[in-house]
Amino acid sequence: MKRWTTLLSLYGMLLIAPGCQEQKPADPPADATAMAEALSPAKDDSHGHSHGSGPHDGAVADWGGGAYHVEFTVDHDAKQATVYILGSDGKSAAPIKAETINLIIDEPATELTLKAEPLEGETDGMSSRFSGTHDTIGIVREFSGTIRGEVDGTPYVGEFAEVAHGH
């Protein structure tokens, strides 16, 4: 009887043991660039690429999962913010049919309604440029915030952040 108990115990261990495999750690990145990227904090973009400066030297953000991009620019002296609607490439103008879009600045908390200012050649209520003024924009600092708008009945939201550069 002792023999059967031993055999059953061994059989039970064989069934359980394959599930207890040691996890192999991931291979380390091959070069210094990959290592730096692996150790850096997660970027605030949902599709894994950095935007950098836009065609108007502004902060570019995703707007709708890559369908559009928006570029935030500021003229501190004129206290004016301008947002450009860009295509999926993040460079070319992408006019939308809208009279206004909203700009929400995080700090100091400010909300502006930016009005369409069509570029040359943009007609029939289409515009890729929207501008507005506010005293807050006259503050020389790096702004961050949210740009909201609607394209063909679909709401779009994008978050932007300026990075330090010479003002």
N, C-alpha and C. Protein backbone atom coordinates (compact mmCIF):
# COMPACT_ATOMS: atom_id res chain seq x y z
N MET A 1 0.82 -1.20 0.00
CA MET A 1 0.00 0.00 0.00
C MET A 1 0.87 1.26 0.00
N LYS A 2 2.00 1.15 0.71
CA LYS A 2 2.90 2.28 0.76
C LYS A 2 3.44 2.60 -0.63
N ARG A 3 3.62 1.57 -1.42
CA ARG A 3 4.12 1.73 -2.78
C ARG A 3 3.13 2.54 -3.63
N TRP A 4 1.83 2.27 -3.51
CA TRP A 4 0.80 2.99 -4.26
C TRP A 4 0.75 4.46 -3.85
N THR A 5 0.88 4.72 -2.59
CA THR A 5 0.86 6.09 -2.09
C THR A 5 2.05 6.87 -2.67
N THR A 6 3.21 6.24 -2.69
CA THR A 6 4.40 6.88 -3.23
C THR A 6 4.23 7.14 -4.72
N LEU A 7 3.71 6.19 -5.46
CA LEU A 7 3.49 6.35 -6.90
C LEU A 7 2.48 7.45 -7.20
N LEU A 8 1.40 7.49 -6.45
CA LEU A 8 0.39 8.54 -6.65
C LEU A 8 0.96 9.92 -6.32
N SER A 9 1.79 10.00 -5.29
CA SER A 9 2.41 11.27 -4.94
C SER A 9 3.34 11.75 -6.05
N LEU A 10 4.14 10.83 -6.58
CA LEU A 10 5.04 11.19 -7.68
C LEU A 10 4.26 11.62 -8.92
N TYR A 11 3.19 10.90 -9.22
CA TYR A 11 2.36 11.24 -10.37
C TYR A 11 1.75 12.64 -10.20
N GLY A 12 1.28 12.97 -9.01
CA GLY A 12 0.72 14.29 -8.73
C GLY A 12 1.75 15.39 -8.89
N MET A 13 2.97 15.14 -8.46
CA MET A 13 4.04 16.13 -8.60
C MET A 13 4.37 16.37 -10.07
N LEU A 14 4.32 15.32 -10.88
CA LEU A 14 4.59 15.46 -12.31
C LEU A 14 3.53 16.34 -12.98
N LEU A 15 2.31 16.24 -12.53
CA LEU A 15 1.24 17.06 -13.10
C LEU A 15 1.38 18.53 -12.70
N ILE A 16 1.86 18.79 -11.51
CA ILE A 16 1.97 20.15 -11.00
C ILE A 16 3.26 20.82 -11.45
N ALA A 17 4.36 20.11 -11.48
CA ALA A 17 5.69 20.67 -11.74
C ALA A 17 5.80 21.47 -13.04
N PRO A 18 5.23 21.04 -14.17
CA PRO A 18 5.40 21.83 -15.40
C PRO A 18 4.85 23.25 -15.30
N GLY A 19 3.90 23.51 -14.42
CA GLY A 19 3.34 24.85 -14.27
C GLY A 19 4.22 25.77 -13.45
N CYS A 20 5.25 25.26 -12.84
CA CYS A 20 6.11 26.06 -11.98
C CYS A 20 7.44 26.36 -12.67
N GLN A 21 7.38 26.90 -13.84
CA GLN A 21 8.60 27.22 -14.57
C GLN A 21 9.07 28.61 -14.20
N GLU A 22 10.37 28.76 -14.13
CA GLU A 22 10.97 30.05 -13.80
C GLU A 22 10.89 30.97 -15.02
N GLN A 23 10.47 32.22 -14.80
CA GLN A 23 10.39 33.19 -15.88
C GLN A 23 11.79 33.68 -16.22
N LYS A 24 12.13 33.68 -17.50
CA LYS A 24 13.42 34.20 -17.96
C LYS A 24 13.30 35.72 -18.08
N PRO A 25 14.24 36.47 -17.50
CA PRO A 25 14.17 37.93 -17.62
C PRO A 25 14.38 38.36 -19.06
N ALA A 26 13.79 39.50 -19.42
CA ALA A 26 13.93 40.04 -20.78
C ALA A 26 15.38 40.40 -21.04
N ASP A 27 15.80 40.21 -22.28
CA ASP A 27 17.15 40.58 -22.67
C ASP A 27 17.31 42.09 -22.57
N PRO A 28 18.45 42.57 -22.09
CA PRO A 28 18.66 44.01 -22.00
C PRO A 28 18.77 44.64 -23.38
N PRO A 29 18.42 45.93 -23.51
CA PRO A 29 18.55 46.62 -24.80
C PRO A 29 20.00 46.55 -25.30
N ALA A 30 20.15 46.54 -26.62
CA ALA A 30 21.45 46.33 -27.23
C ALA A 30 22.35 47.57 -27.21
N ASP A 31 21.79 48.76 -27.24
CA ASP A 31 22.65 49.94 -27.31
C ASP A 31 22.22 50.99 -26.30
N ALA A 32 23.02 52.03 -26.19
CA ALA A 32 22.77 53.08 -25.20
C ALA A 32 21.47 53.83 -25.46
N THR A 33 21.11 54.05 -26.72
CA THR A 33 19.86 54.75 -27.04
C THR A 33 18.67 53.94 -26.57
N ALA A 34 18.68 52.66 -26.88
CA ALA A 34 17.58 51.80 -26.45
C ALA A 34 17.50 51.73 -24.94
N MET A 35 18.66 51.71 -24.27
CA MET A 35 18.69 51.67 -22.81
C MET A 35 18.07 52.95 -22.24
N ALA A 36 18.43 54.09 -22.79
CA ALA A 36 17.88 55.37 -22.31
C ALA A 36 16.37 55.41 -22.51
N GLU A 37 15.88 54.92 -23.65
CA GLU A 37 14.45 54.90 -23.90
C GLU A 37 13.74 53.97 -22.93
N ALA A 38 14.36 52.83 -22.64
CA ALA A 38 13.75 51.86 -21.73
C ALA A 38 13.64 52.42 -20.32
N LEU A 39 14.61 53.24 -19.91
CA LEU A 39 14.62 53.78 -18.56
C LEU A 39 13.88 55.09 -18.41
N SER A 40 13.57 55.77 -19.51
CA SER A 40 12.91 57.08 -19.43
C SER A 40 11.44 56.91 -19.09
N PRO A 41 10.83 57.96 -18.47
CA PRO A 41 9.40 57.88 -18.16
C PRO A 41 8.59 57.76 -19.44
N ALA A 42 7.41 57.19 -19.31
CA ALA A 42 6.53 57.01 -20.47
C ALA A 42 6.16 58.35 -21.06
N LYS A 43 6.15 58.42 -22.37
CA LYS A 43 5.75 59.64 -23.06
C LYS A 43 4.24 59.74 -23.05
N ASP A 44 3.74 60.97 -23.11
CA ASP A 44 2.30 61.18 -23.10
C ASP A 44 1.77 61.21 -24.52
N ASP A 45 1.91 60.09 -25.20
CA ASP A 45 1.26 59.97 -26.49
C ASP A 45 0.85 58.53 -26.67
N SER A 46 -0.27 58.34 -27.29
CA SER A 46 -0.86 57.02 -27.32
C SER A 46 -0.39 56.17 -28.47
N HIS A 47 0.40 56.69 -29.37
CA HIS A 47 0.79 55.87 -30.51
C HIS A 47 2.29 55.81 -30.71
N GLY A 48 3.06 56.05 -29.66
CA GLY A 48 4.46 55.73 -29.63
C GLY A 48 5.41 56.52 -30.50
N HIS A 49 5.14 57.77 -30.78
CA HIS A 49 6.15 58.57 -31.46
C HIS A 49 6.17 59.98 -30.89
N SER A 50 7.31 60.61 -31.00
CA SER A 50 7.48 61.95 -30.48
C SER A 50 7.15 62.96 -31.57
N HIS A 51 6.48 64.04 -31.20
CA HIS A 51 6.06 65.02 -32.19
C HIS A 51 7.08 66.12 -32.43
N GLY A 52 7.72 66.62 -31.38
CA GLY A 52 8.67 67.71 -31.56
C GLY A 52 7.97 68.98 -32.01
N SER A 53 8.74 69.85 -32.65
CA SER A 53 8.18 71.11 -33.13
C SER A 53 7.45 70.91 -34.44
N GLY A 54 6.38 71.68 -34.61
CA GLY A 54 5.59 71.61 -35.83
C GLY A 54 6.11 72.55 -36.89
N PRO A 55 5.42 72.62 -38.01
CA PRO A 55 5.85 73.47 -39.12
C PRO A 55 5.84 74.96 -38.80
N HIS A 56 5.16 75.35 -37.71
CA HIS A 56 5.13 76.75 -37.29
C HIS A 56 5.92 76.93 -35.99
N ASP A 57 6.81 75.99 -35.70
CA ASP A 57 7.65 75.98 -34.49
C ASP A 57 6.85 75.90 -33.20
N GLY A 58 5.68 75.28 -33.25
CA GLY A 58 4.85 75.12 -32.06
C GLY A 58 4.88 73.71 -31.52
N ALA A 59 4.17 73.51 -30.41
CA ALA A 59 4.04 72.19 -29.79
C ALA A 59 2.96 71.40 -30.52
N VAL A 60 3.30 70.21 -30.98
CA VAL A 60 2.38 69.38 -31.75
C VAL A 60 1.83 68.27 -30.86
N ALA A 61 0.53 68.01 -31.00
CA ALA A 61 -0.13 66.94 -30.24
C ALA A 61 -1.01 66.12 -31.17
N ASP A 62 -1.22 64.89 -30.80
CA ASP A 62 -2.13 64.01 -31.52
C ASP A 62 -3.56 64.51 -31.31
N TRP A 63 -4.37 64.38 -32.33
CA TRP A 63 -5.77 64.81 -32.25
C TRP A 63 -6.61 63.76 -32.95
N GLY A 64 -7.07 62.79 -32.20
CA GLY A 64 -7.93 61.76 -32.78
C GLY A 64 -7.20 60.52 -33.23
N GLY A 65 -6.30 60.03 -32.41
CA GLY A 65 -5.63 58.77 -32.71
C GLY A 65 -4.77 58.81 -33.95
N GLY A 66 -4.27 59.97 -34.31
CA GLY A 66 -3.39 60.09 -35.46
C GLY A 66 -4.08 60.57 -36.72
N ALA A 67 -5.40 60.65 -36.71
CA ALA A 67 -6.13 61.14 -37.89
C ALA A 67 -5.74 62.59 -38.16
N TYR A 68 -5.61 63.36 -37.10
CA TYR A 68 -5.19 64.75 -37.18
C TYR A 68 -4.12 65.00 -36.12
N HIS A 69 -3.43 66.10 -36.26
CA HIS A 69 -2.55 66.62 -35.23
C HIS A 69 -2.91 68.10 -35.08
N VAL A 70 -2.60 68.67 -33.92
CA VAL A 70 -2.81 70.09 -33.69
C VAL A 70 -1.48 70.69 -33.24
N GLU A 71 -1.24 71.92 -33.67
CA GLU A 71 -0.01 72.61 -33.31
C GLU A 71 -0.37 73.90 -32.58
N PHE A 72 0.10 74.02 -31.35
CA PHE A 72 -0.14 75.20 -30.52
C PHE A 72 1.04 76.16 -30.67
N THR A 73 0.72 77.40 -31.06
CA THR A 73 1.75 78.44 -31.14
C THR A 73 1.28 79.65 -30.34
N VAL A 74 2.23 80.46 -29.92
CA VAL A 74 1.89 81.61 -29.09
C VAL A 74 2.73 82.82 -29.48
N ASP A 75 2.08 83.98 -29.45
CA ASP A 75 2.77 85.27 -29.63
C ASP A 75 2.52 86.03 -28.33
N HIS A 76 3.51 85.98 -27.42
CA HIS A 76 3.33 86.59 -26.10
C HIS A 76 3.07 88.09 -26.19
N ASP A 77 3.78 88.79 -27.08
CA ASP A 77 3.62 90.24 -27.20
C ASP A 77 2.20 90.61 -27.62
N ALA A 78 1.62 89.85 -28.53
CA ALA A 78 0.26 90.12 -29.00
C ALA A 78 -0.79 89.45 -28.11
N LYS A 79 -0.34 88.66 -27.12
CA LYS A 79 -1.24 87.90 -26.24
C LYS A 79 -2.16 87.00 -27.05
N GLN A 80 -1.61 86.41 -28.10
CA GLN A 80 -2.40 85.62 -29.05
C GLN A 80 -1.91 84.17 -29.10
N ALA A 81 -2.88 83.26 -29.06
CA ALA A 81 -2.62 81.83 -29.26
C ALA A 81 -3.20 81.45 -30.61
N THR A 82 -2.46 80.66 -31.36
CA THR A 82 -2.93 80.16 -32.64
C THR A 82 -2.73 78.65 -32.66
N VAL A 83 -3.76 77.95 -33.10
CA VAL A 83 -3.70 76.49 -33.24
C VAL A 83 -3.89 76.17 -34.71
N TYR A 84 -3.01 75.33 -35.22
CA TYR A 84 -3.10 74.86 -36.61
C TYR A 84 -3.55 73.40 -36.59
N ILE A 85 -4.50 73.08 -37.46
CA ILE A 85 -4.94 71.70 -37.63
C ILE A 85 -4.07 71.10 -38.72
N LEU A 86 -3.40 70.00 -38.38
CA LEU A 86 -2.48 69.35 -39.31
C LEU A 86 -2.99 67.95 -39.65
N GLY A 87 -2.53 67.44 -40.76
CA GLY A 87 -2.91 66.10 -41.18
C GLY A 87 -2.22 65.02 -40.37
N SER A 88 -2.43 63.77 -40.77
CA SER A 88 -1.86 62.65 -40.04
C SER A 88 -0.33 62.67 -40.06
N ASP A 89 0.26 63.37 -41.03
CA ASP A 89 1.72 63.47 -41.10
C ASP A 89 2.28 64.49 -40.10
N GLY A 90 1.41 65.27 -39.47
CA GLY A 90 1.84 66.26 -38.49
C GLY A 90 2.51 67.47 -39.10
N LYS A 91 2.41 67.63 -40.43
CA LYS A 91 3.10 68.73 -41.11
C LYS A 91 2.20 69.53 -42.03
N SER A 92 1.34 68.86 -42.77
CA SER A 92 0.52 69.56 -43.77
C SER A 92 -0.78 70.06 -43.17
N ALA A 93 -1.26 71.21 -43.68
CA ALA A 93 -2.52 71.79 -43.23
C ALA A 93 -3.67 70.84 -43.55
N ALA A 94 -4.61 70.72 -42.61
CA ALA A 94 -5.79 69.88 -42.79
C ALA A 94 -7.02 70.70 -42.39
N PRO A 95 -7.55 71.51 -43.30
CA PRO A 95 -8.69 72.36 -42.97
C PRO A 95 -9.91 71.54 -42.53
N ILE A 96 -10.60 72.06 -41.53
CA ILE A 96 -11.83 71.43 -41.05
C ILE A 96 -12.96 72.45 -41.16
N LYS A 97 -14.19 71.94 -41.20
CA LYS A 97 -15.36 72.81 -41.27
C LYS A 97 -15.80 73.10 -39.84
N ALA A 98 -15.31 74.22 -39.31
CA ALA A 98 -15.63 74.63 -37.94
C ALA A 98 -15.42 76.14 -37.83
N GLU A 99 -16.27 76.78 -37.05
CA GLU A 99 -16.11 78.21 -36.81
C GLU A 99 -15.18 78.48 -35.64
N THR A 100 -15.17 77.55 -34.66
CA THR A 100 -14.34 77.73 -33.47
C THR A 100 -13.81 76.38 -32.98
N ILE A 101 -12.76 76.44 -32.17
CA ILE A 101 -12.30 75.31 -31.37
C ILE A 101 -11.97 75.88 -30.00
N ASN A 102 -11.82 75.02 -29.00
CA ASN A 102 -11.55 75.48 -27.64
C ASN A 102 -10.12 75.15 -27.23
N LEU A 103 -9.51 76.10 -26.54
CA LEU A 103 -8.16 75.93 -25.99
C LEU A 103 -8.26 76.08 -24.48
N ILE A 104 -7.83 75.08 -23.75
CA ILE A 104 -7.82 75.13 -22.29
C ILE A 104 -6.36 75.10 -21.84
N ILE A 105 -5.91 76.17 -21.20
CA ILE A 105 -4.56 76.26 -20.66
C ILE A 105 -4.61 75.75 -19.22
N ASP A 106 -3.66 74.87 -18.86
CA ASP A 106 -3.64 74.29 -17.52
C ASP A 106 -3.28 75.30 -16.44
N GLU A 107 -2.21 76.05 -16.64
CA GLU A 107 -1.69 76.92 -15.60
C GLU A 107 -1.19 78.22 -16.20
N PRO A 108 -1.70 79.37 -15.84
CA PRO A 108 -2.88 79.57 -15.00
C PRO A 108 -4.14 79.15 -15.76
N ALA A 109 -5.05 78.54 -15.04
CA ALA A 109 -6.27 77.98 -15.65
C ALA A 109 -7.00 79.03 -16.47
N THR A 110 -7.08 78.77 -17.78
CA THR A 110 -7.68 79.71 -18.72
C THR A 110 -8.34 78.93 -19.85
N GLU A 111 -9.50 79.38 -20.28
CA GLU A 111 -10.16 78.77 -21.43
C GLU A 111 -10.43 79.84 -22.48
N LEU A 112 -10.07 79.54 -23.72
CA LEU A 112 -10.27 80.48 -24.82
C LEU A 112 -11.05 79.79 -25.92
N THR A 113 -11.88 80.57 -26.59
CA THR A 113 -12.52 80.11 -27.82
C THR A 113 -11.72 80.70 -28.96
N LEU A 114 -11.13 79.83 -29.76
CA LEU A 114 -10.32 80.28 -30.89
C LEU A 114 -11.20 80.30 -32.13
N LYS A 115 -11.16 81.40 -32.86
CA LYS A 115 -11.99 81.56 -34.06
C LYS A 115 -11.22 81.19 -35.31
N ALA A 116 -11.95 80.65 -36.28
CA ALA A 116 -11.34 80.27 -37.55
C ALA A 116 -10.75 81.48 -38.25
N GLU A 117 -9.53 81.33 -38.72
CA GLU A 117 -8.85 82.34 -39.54
C GLU A 117 -8.24 81.58 -40.72
N PRO A 118 -9.07 81.30 -41.73
CA PRO A 118 -8.62 80.46 -42.85
C PRO A 118 -7.34 80.98 -43.50
N LEU A 119 -6.47 80.03 -43.84
CA LEU A 119 -5.27 80.35 -44.61
C LEU A 119 -5.67 80.63 -46.05
N GLU A 120 -4.79 81.24 -46.80
CA GLU A 120 -5.06 81.53 -48.21
C GLU A 120 -5.41 80.23 -48.93
N GLY A 121 -6.53 80.26 -49.65
CA GLY A 121 -6.98 79.09 -50.40
C GLY A 121 -7.98 78.22 -49.66
N GLU A 122 -8.18 78.46 -48.36
CA GLU A 122 -9.17 77.70 -47.59
C GLU A 122 -10.50 78.42 -47.70
N THR A 123 -11.50 77.75 -48.27
CA THR A 123 -12.80 78.38 -48.53
C THR A 123 -13.93 77.50 -48.02
N ASP A 124 -15.15 77.96 -48.25
CA ASP A 124 -16.37 77.23 -47.89
C ASP A 124 -16.43 76.85 -46.41
N GLY A 125 -16.04 77.78 -45.55
CA GLY A 125 -16.12 77.53 -44.11
C GLY A 125 -15.05 76.59 -43.59
N MET A 126 -14.06 76.28 -44.40
CA MET A 126 -12.97 75.38 -44.00
C MET A 126 -11.79 76.22 -43.49
N SER A 127 -11.15 75.75 -42.42
CA SER A 127 -9.99 76.45 -41.89
C SER A 127 -9.07 75.46 -41.18
N SER A 128 -7.77 75.70 -41.32
CA SER A 128 -6.79 74.92 -40.58
C SER A 128 -6.09 75.78 -39.53
N ARG A 129 -6.52 77.06 -39.43
CA ARG A 129 -5.92 77.97 -38.45
C ARG A 129 -7.01 78.59 -37.60
N PHE A 130 -6.79 78.59 -36.27
CA PHE A 130 -7.74 79.15 -35.31
C PHE A 130 -6.95 79.99 -34.31
N SER A 131 -7.43 81.22 -34.04
CA SER A 131 -6.69 82.13 -33.15
C SER A 131 -7.60 82.82 -32.16
N GLY A 132 -7.00 83.24 -31.06
CA GLY A 132 -7.70 84.01 -30.05
C GLY A 132 -6.70 84.71 -29.15
N THR A 133 -7.17 85.72 -28.44
CA THR A 133 -6.28 86.47 -27.55
C THR A 133 -6.79 86.41 -26.12
N HIS A 134 -5.85 86.53 -25.18
CA HIS A 134 -6.17 86.56 -23.76
C HIS A 134 -4.94 87.06 -23.03
N ASP A 135 -5.14 87.80 -21.94
CA ASP A 135 -4.01 88.31 -21.16
C ASP A 135 -3.07 87.20 -20.69
N THR A 136 -3.61 86.04 -20.37
CA THR A 136 -2.79 84.90 -19.93
C THR A 136 -1.71 84.55 -20.94
N ILE A 137 -2.03 84.67 -22.22
CA ILE A 137 -1.09 84.30 -23.27
C ILE A 137 0.11 85.25 -23.29
N GLY A 138 -0.04 86.44 -22.70
CA GLY A 138 1.06 87.39 -22.62
C GLY A 138 2.13 87.00 -21.61
N ILE A 139 1.82 86.05 -20.73
CA ILE A 139 2.80 85.58 -19.74
C ILE A 139 3.85 84.74 -20.47
N VAL A 140 5.11 85.09 -20.30
CA VAL A 140 6.18 84.34 -20.96
C VAL A 140 6.48 83.10 -20.12
N ARG A 141 6.04 81.95 -20.62
CA ARG A 141 6.23 80.66 -19.95
C ARG A 141 5.91 79.56 -20.94
N GLU A 142 6.19 78.34 -20.56
CA GLU A 142 5.81 77.20 -21.39
C GLU A 142 4.41 76.78 -20.96
N PHE A 143 3.49 76.77 -21.90
CA PHE A 143 2.11 76.41 -21.62
C PHE A 143 1.88 74.93 -21.90
N SER A 144 0.88 74.39 -21.22
CA SER A 144 0.37 73.05 -21.52
C SER A 144 -1.13 73.12 -21.37
N GLY A 145 -1.81 72.21 -22.02
CA GLY A 145 -3.26 72.22 -21.94
C GLY A 145 -3.92 71.28 -22.91
N THR A 146 -5.15 71.60 -23.25
CA THR A 146 -5.99 70.73 -24.07
C THR A 146 -6.62 71.54 -25.20
N ILE A 147 -6.70 70.92 -26.36
CA ILE A 147 -7.35 71.53 -27.52
C ILE A 147 -8.53 70.64 -27.89
N ARG A 148 -9.72 71.24 -27.92
CA ARG A 148 -10.95 70.49 -28.22
C ARG A 148 -11.62 71.07 -29.46
N GLY A 149 -12.17 70.19 -30.26
CA GLY A 149 -12.90 70.63 -31.44
C GLY A 149 -13.77 69.50 -31.96
N GLU A 150 -14.45 69.78 -33.05
CA GLU A 150 -15.34 68.79 -33.66
C GLU A 150 -15.12 68.80 -35.16
N VAL A 151 -15.00 67.60 -35.72
CA VAL A 151 -14.83 67.44 -37.16
C VAL A 151 -15.90 66.47 -37.65
N ASP A 152 -16.77 66.95 -38.53
CA ASP A 152 -17.86 66.12 -39.07
C ASP A 152 -18.66 65.42 -37.98
N GLY A 153 -18.96 66.15 -36.91
CA GLY A 153 -19.77 65.60 -35.83
C GLY A 153 -19.01 64.74 -34.83
N THR A 154 -17.73 64.52 -35.05
CA THR A 154 -16.92 63.72 -34.13
C THR A 154 -16.07 64.64 -33.26
N PRO A 155 -16.18 64.51 -31.92
CA PRO A 155 -15.36 65.35 -31.05
C PRO A 155 -13.91 64.86 -31.04
N TYR A 156 -12.98 65.82 -31.02
CA TYR A 156 -11.55 65.53 -30.95
C TYR A 156 -10.94 66.28 -29.78
N VAL A 157 -10.00 65.63 -29.09
CA VAL A 157 -9.32 66.22 -27.95
C VAL A 157 -7.84 65.87 -28.05
N GLY A 158 -6.99 66.84 -27.81
CA GLY A 158 -5.55 66.59 -27.80
C GLY A 158 -4.88 67.39 -26.71
N GLU A 159 -3.91 66.78 -26.04
CA GLU A 159 -3.16 67.47 -24.99
C GLU A 159 -1.78 67.84 -25.52
N PHE A 160 -1.37 69.08 -25.25
CA PHE A 160 -0.08 69.58 -25.72
C PHE A 160 0.73 70.09 -24.54
N ALA A 161 2.02 70.21 -24.74
CA ALA A 161 2.91 70.80 -23.75
C ALA A 161 4.09 71.42 -24.48
N GLU A 162 4.30 72.70 -24.24
CA GLU A 162 5.48 73.36 -24.81
C GLU A 162 6.70 72.91 -24.01
N VAL A 163 7.84 72.90 -24.67
CA VAL A 163 9.10 72.64 -23.98
C VAL A 163 9.93 73.90 -24.03
N ALA A 164 10.82 74.05 -23.07
CA ALA A 164 11.62 75.26 -22.96
C ALA A 164 12.39 75.53 -24.24
N HIS A 165 12.31 76.77 -24.69
CA HIS A 165 13.06 77.25 -25.85
C HIS A 165 13.24 78.75 -25.70
N GLY A 166 14.08 79.35 -26.46
CA GLY A 166 14.32 80.80 -26.34
C GLY A 166 13.12 81.61 -26.74
N HIS A 167 12.63 82.47 -25.83
CA HIS A 167 11.47 83.33 -26.14
C HIS A 167 11.95 84.65 -26.64
